[in-house]
Protein backbone atom coordinates (compact mmCIF):
# COMPACT_ATOMS: atom_id res chain seq x y z
CA MET A 1 -15.77 -188.39 -10.49
CA ALA A 2 -16.67 -191.23 -13.08
CA PRO A 3 -18.24 -191.61 -16.15
CA PRO A 4 -22.14 -192.30 -15.88
CA ILE A 5 -21.16 -195.73 -18.20
CA ALA A 6 -19.46 -197.29 -15.33
CA PHE A 7 -21.96 -196.90 -12.77
CA THR A 8 -25.03 -198.66 -15.16
CA ILE A 9 -24.58 -202.14 -14.70
CA PRO A 10 -24.64 -201.94 -10.70
CA PHE A 11 -27.66 -199.64 -10.79
CA PHE A 12 -29.10 -201.90 -13.16
CA LEU A 13 -28.34 -205.29 -10.87
CA PHE A 14 -28.51 -203.07 -7.47
CA TYR A 15 -32.49 -201.38 -8.66
CA ARG A 16 -33.37 -205.13 -10.12
CA TRP A 17 -32.42 -206.38 -7.00
CA ILE A 18 -34.89 -204.09 -4.63
CA GLY A 19 -37.12 -203.51 -7.30
CA LEU A 20 -36.72 -200.01 -8.42
CA LEU A 21 -36.12 -200.72 -12.16
CA ASP A 22 -38.68 -199.03 -14.21
CA THR A 23 -39.73 -196.49 -11.25
CA VAL A 24 -39.67 -192.79 -11.25
CA THR A 25 -38.03 -192.85 -7.96
CA GLY A 26 -35.41 -194.78 -9.13
CA LEU A 27 -34.74 -192.36 -11.72
CA VAL A 28 -34.89 -189.81 -9.28
CA LEU A 29 -32.29 -191.36 -6.95
CA VAL A 30 -29.72 -191.45 -10.43
CA TYR A 31 -30.32 -188.23 -11.09
CA THR A 32 -29.60 -186.98 -7.46
CA SER A 33 -26.65 -189.33 -7.10
CA PHE A 34 -25.41 -187.22 -10.21
CA ASN A 35 -26.31 -183.79 -10.07
CA LEU A 36 -25.61 -183.42 -6.28
CA PRO A 37 -21.81 -182.97 -6.43
CA LEU A 38 -22.26 -180.63 -9.06
CA VAL A 39 -24.47 -178.95 -7.01
CA ILE A 40 -22.32 -178.50 -4.25
CA TRP A 41 -19.80 -177.98 -5.99
CA MET A 42 -21.22 -175.15 -7.78
CA MET A 43 -22.90 -173.43 -4.48
CA GLN A 44 -19.69 -173.56 -2.58
CA PRO A 45 -18.28 -169.96 -4.02
CA PHE A 46 -21.60 -168.77 -3.94
CA PHE A 47 -21.91 -169.11 0.29
CA GLU A 48 -18.63 -168.14 1.14
CA THR A 49 -18.56 -165.07 -0.53
CA VAL A 50 -21.82 -164.23 1.80
CA PRO A 51 -19.73 -162.32 4.32
CA ARG A 52 -19.73 -163.74 7.91
CA SER A 53 -20.44 -160.07 9.55
CA LEU A 54 -23.64 -159.84 7.81
CA GLU A 55 -24.99 -163.12 9.69
CA GLU A 56 -23.30 -162.62 12.91
CA ALA A 57 -25.30 -159.45 13.20
CA ALA A 58 -28.13 -161.08 12.23
CA LEU A 59 -27.91 -163.17 15.06
CA VAL A 60 -27.24 -160.70 17.58
CA ASP A 61 -30.30 -158.74 16.77
CA GLY A 62 -32.08 -161.70 17.42
CA ALA A 63 -32.91 -163.84 14.13
CA SER A 64 -32.85 -167.17 14.51
CA THR A 65 -30.37 -169.43 12.63
CA ARG A 66 -33.20 -170.70 10.19
CA VAL A 67 -34.21 -167.22 9.73
CA VAL A 68 -30.76 -165.68 9.03
CA PHE A 69 -30.47 -169.06 6.25
CA LEU A 70 -33.66 -167.90 4.83
CA GLN A 71 -33.95 -164.10 4.37
CA ILE A 72 -30.15 -163.34 4.25
CA VAL A 73 -27.74 -165.66 2.76
CA LEU A 74 -30.62 -167.75 0.17
CA PRO A 75 -31.48 -164.06 -1.41
CA MET A 76 -27.66 -163.34 -1.68
CA VAL A 77 -26.91 -166.54 -3.77
CA ALA A 78 -30.35 -166.53 -5.19
CA PRO A 79 -28.00 -166.07 -8.67
CA GLY A 80 -26.08 -169.12 -8.05
CA ILE A 81 -29.29 -171.09 -7.39
CA ALA A 82 -30.52 -169.99 -10.78
CA ALA A 83 -27.31 -170.98 -12.38
CA THR A 84 -27.05 -174.40 -10.89
CA ALA A 85 -30.60 -175.25 -11.12
CA ILE A 86 -30.74 -174.92 -14.67
CA LEU A 87 -27.61 -176.78 -15.25
CA CYS A 88 -28.85 -179.58 -12.62
CA PHE A 89 -32.42 -179.47 -15.05
CA LEU A 90 -31.00 -179.38 -18.26
CA TYR A 91 -28.85 -182.64 -17.09
CA ALA A 92 -31.46 -184.44 -15.79
CA TRP A 93 -34.00 -183.51 -18.27
CA ASN A 94 -31.93 -184.31 -21.64
CA ASP A 95 -30.69 -187.51 -19.88
CA PHE A 96 -30.82 -190.30 -22.37
CA PHE A 97 -28.47 -193.17 -21.11
CA PHE A 98 -29.90 -193.78 -17.46
CA ALA A 99 -33.58 -193.91 -19.01
CA LEU A 100 -32.96 -195.61 -21.67
CA ILE A 101 -30.96 -198.46 -19.53
CA LEU A 102 -33.66 -198.53 -16.18
CA THR A 103 -36.72 -197.68 -17.31
CA ARG A 104 -38.65 -199.33 -19.97
CA THR A 105 -42.97 -198.75 -20.40
CA ASN A 106 -43.95 -197.17 -16.90
CA ALA A 107 -40.98 -194.35 -15.75
CA ARG A 108 -39.58 -193.79 -19.34
CA THR A 109 -38.91 -190.11 -20.01
CA ALA A 110 -39.61 -187.80 -22.77
CA PRO A 111 -36.18 -188.28 -24.95
CA VAL A 112 -36.66 -192.22 -25.03
CA ALA A 113 -39.90 -191.76 -26.01
CA VAL A 114 -39.03 -189.46 -28.85
CA VAL A 115 -36.74 -192.67 -29.98
CA ASN A 116 -39.69 -194.69 -30.01
CA PHE A 117 -41.01 -193.39 -33.24
CA MET A 118 -38.11 -194.96 -35.08
CA ASN A 119 -38.95 -198.40 -35.84
CA TYR A 120 -38.43 -201.16 -38.38
CA GLU A 121 -40.75 -199.67 -40.29
CA GLY A 122 -39.34 -196.23 -40.57
CA TRP A 123 -38.75 -193.38 -39.10
CA GLU A 124 -41.98 -190.88 -38.05
CA TRP A 125 -40.38 -187.54 -39.14
CA GLY A 126 -43.78 -185.65 -37.80
CA LYS A 127 -43.73 -187.10 -34.26
CA ILE A 128 -39.80 -187.10 -34.25
CA ALA A 129 -40.33 -183.51 -34.70
CA ALA A 130 -43.26 -182.68 -32.35
CA GLY A 131 -41.39 -184.77 -29.32
CA GLY A 132 -38.48 -182.48 -29.85
CA SER A 133 -40.35 -179.62 -29.46
CA LEU A 134 -42.31 -180.91 -26.70
CA VAL A 135 -39.08 -181.78 -25.06
CA MET A 136 -37.38 -178.53 -25.95
CA ALA A 137 -40.50 -176.37 -24.45
CA PRO A 138 -40.08 -176.69 -20.34
CA VAL A 139 -36.11 -176.06 -20.96
CA LEU A 140 -36.89 -172.76 -22.81
CA ILE A 141 -39.94 -171.83 -19.94
CA PHE A 142 -37.98 -172.92 -16.99
CA SER A 143 -34.78 -170.80 -18.25
CA LEU A 144 -36.83 -167.45 -18.72
CA ALA A 145 -38.23 -168.30 -15.56
CA VAL A 146 -34.72 -167.85 -13.67
CA ARG A 147 -33.47 -165.22 -16.48
CA ARG A 148 -33.71 -162.45 -13.90
CA TYR A 149 -31.26 -164.25 -11.39
CA LEU A 150 -29.02 -165.59 -13.54
CA VAL A 151 -28.48 -162.08 -15.50
CA SER A 152 -28.03 -160.90 -11.76
CA GLY A 153 -25.32 -163.43 -10.89
CA LEU A 154 -23.83 -162.71 -14.25
CA THR A 155 -23.12 -159.21 -13.69
CA ALA A 156 -22.74 -159.16 -10.03
CA GLY A 157 -18.58 -159.03 -10.54
CA ALA A 158 -19.12 -156.02 -13.16
CA VAL A 159 -16.97 -153.25 -12.36
CA LYS A 160 -18.57 -150.05 -12.61
CA GLY A 161 -17.21 -146.77 -13.98
């Protein structure tokens, strides 16, 4: 639980040493290493709410562990997966710091590319506005795609009556 800036120099030196500087693989590893604790922390309560007796009943009925997980547990925790996916996607998509430090030209992300429209000659406002809109569009599309699961997750604990 340290701030990302504390890991910048070690990541940069290690990536330069093993050849992952300015690669998509390097960015994926960084985002995974910072998103994985968030995913574990957020998903644990959702998995704890799945009744153990439901899983045991499916196992007694002859279902394999894989079938129990895929057909019983995952649909029940889908709202948690949706909420976690939105947060992880937003973190990785909007990250500027690691993308700026660990990339140059080959693996540049959209927020870093938009900043390149600001140069010593002046700011190209039209390109900056268009880039900002393009950066925002996938987040809106993704959020609309998972909103059904997110809304059901938020209202799952509501009291009826």
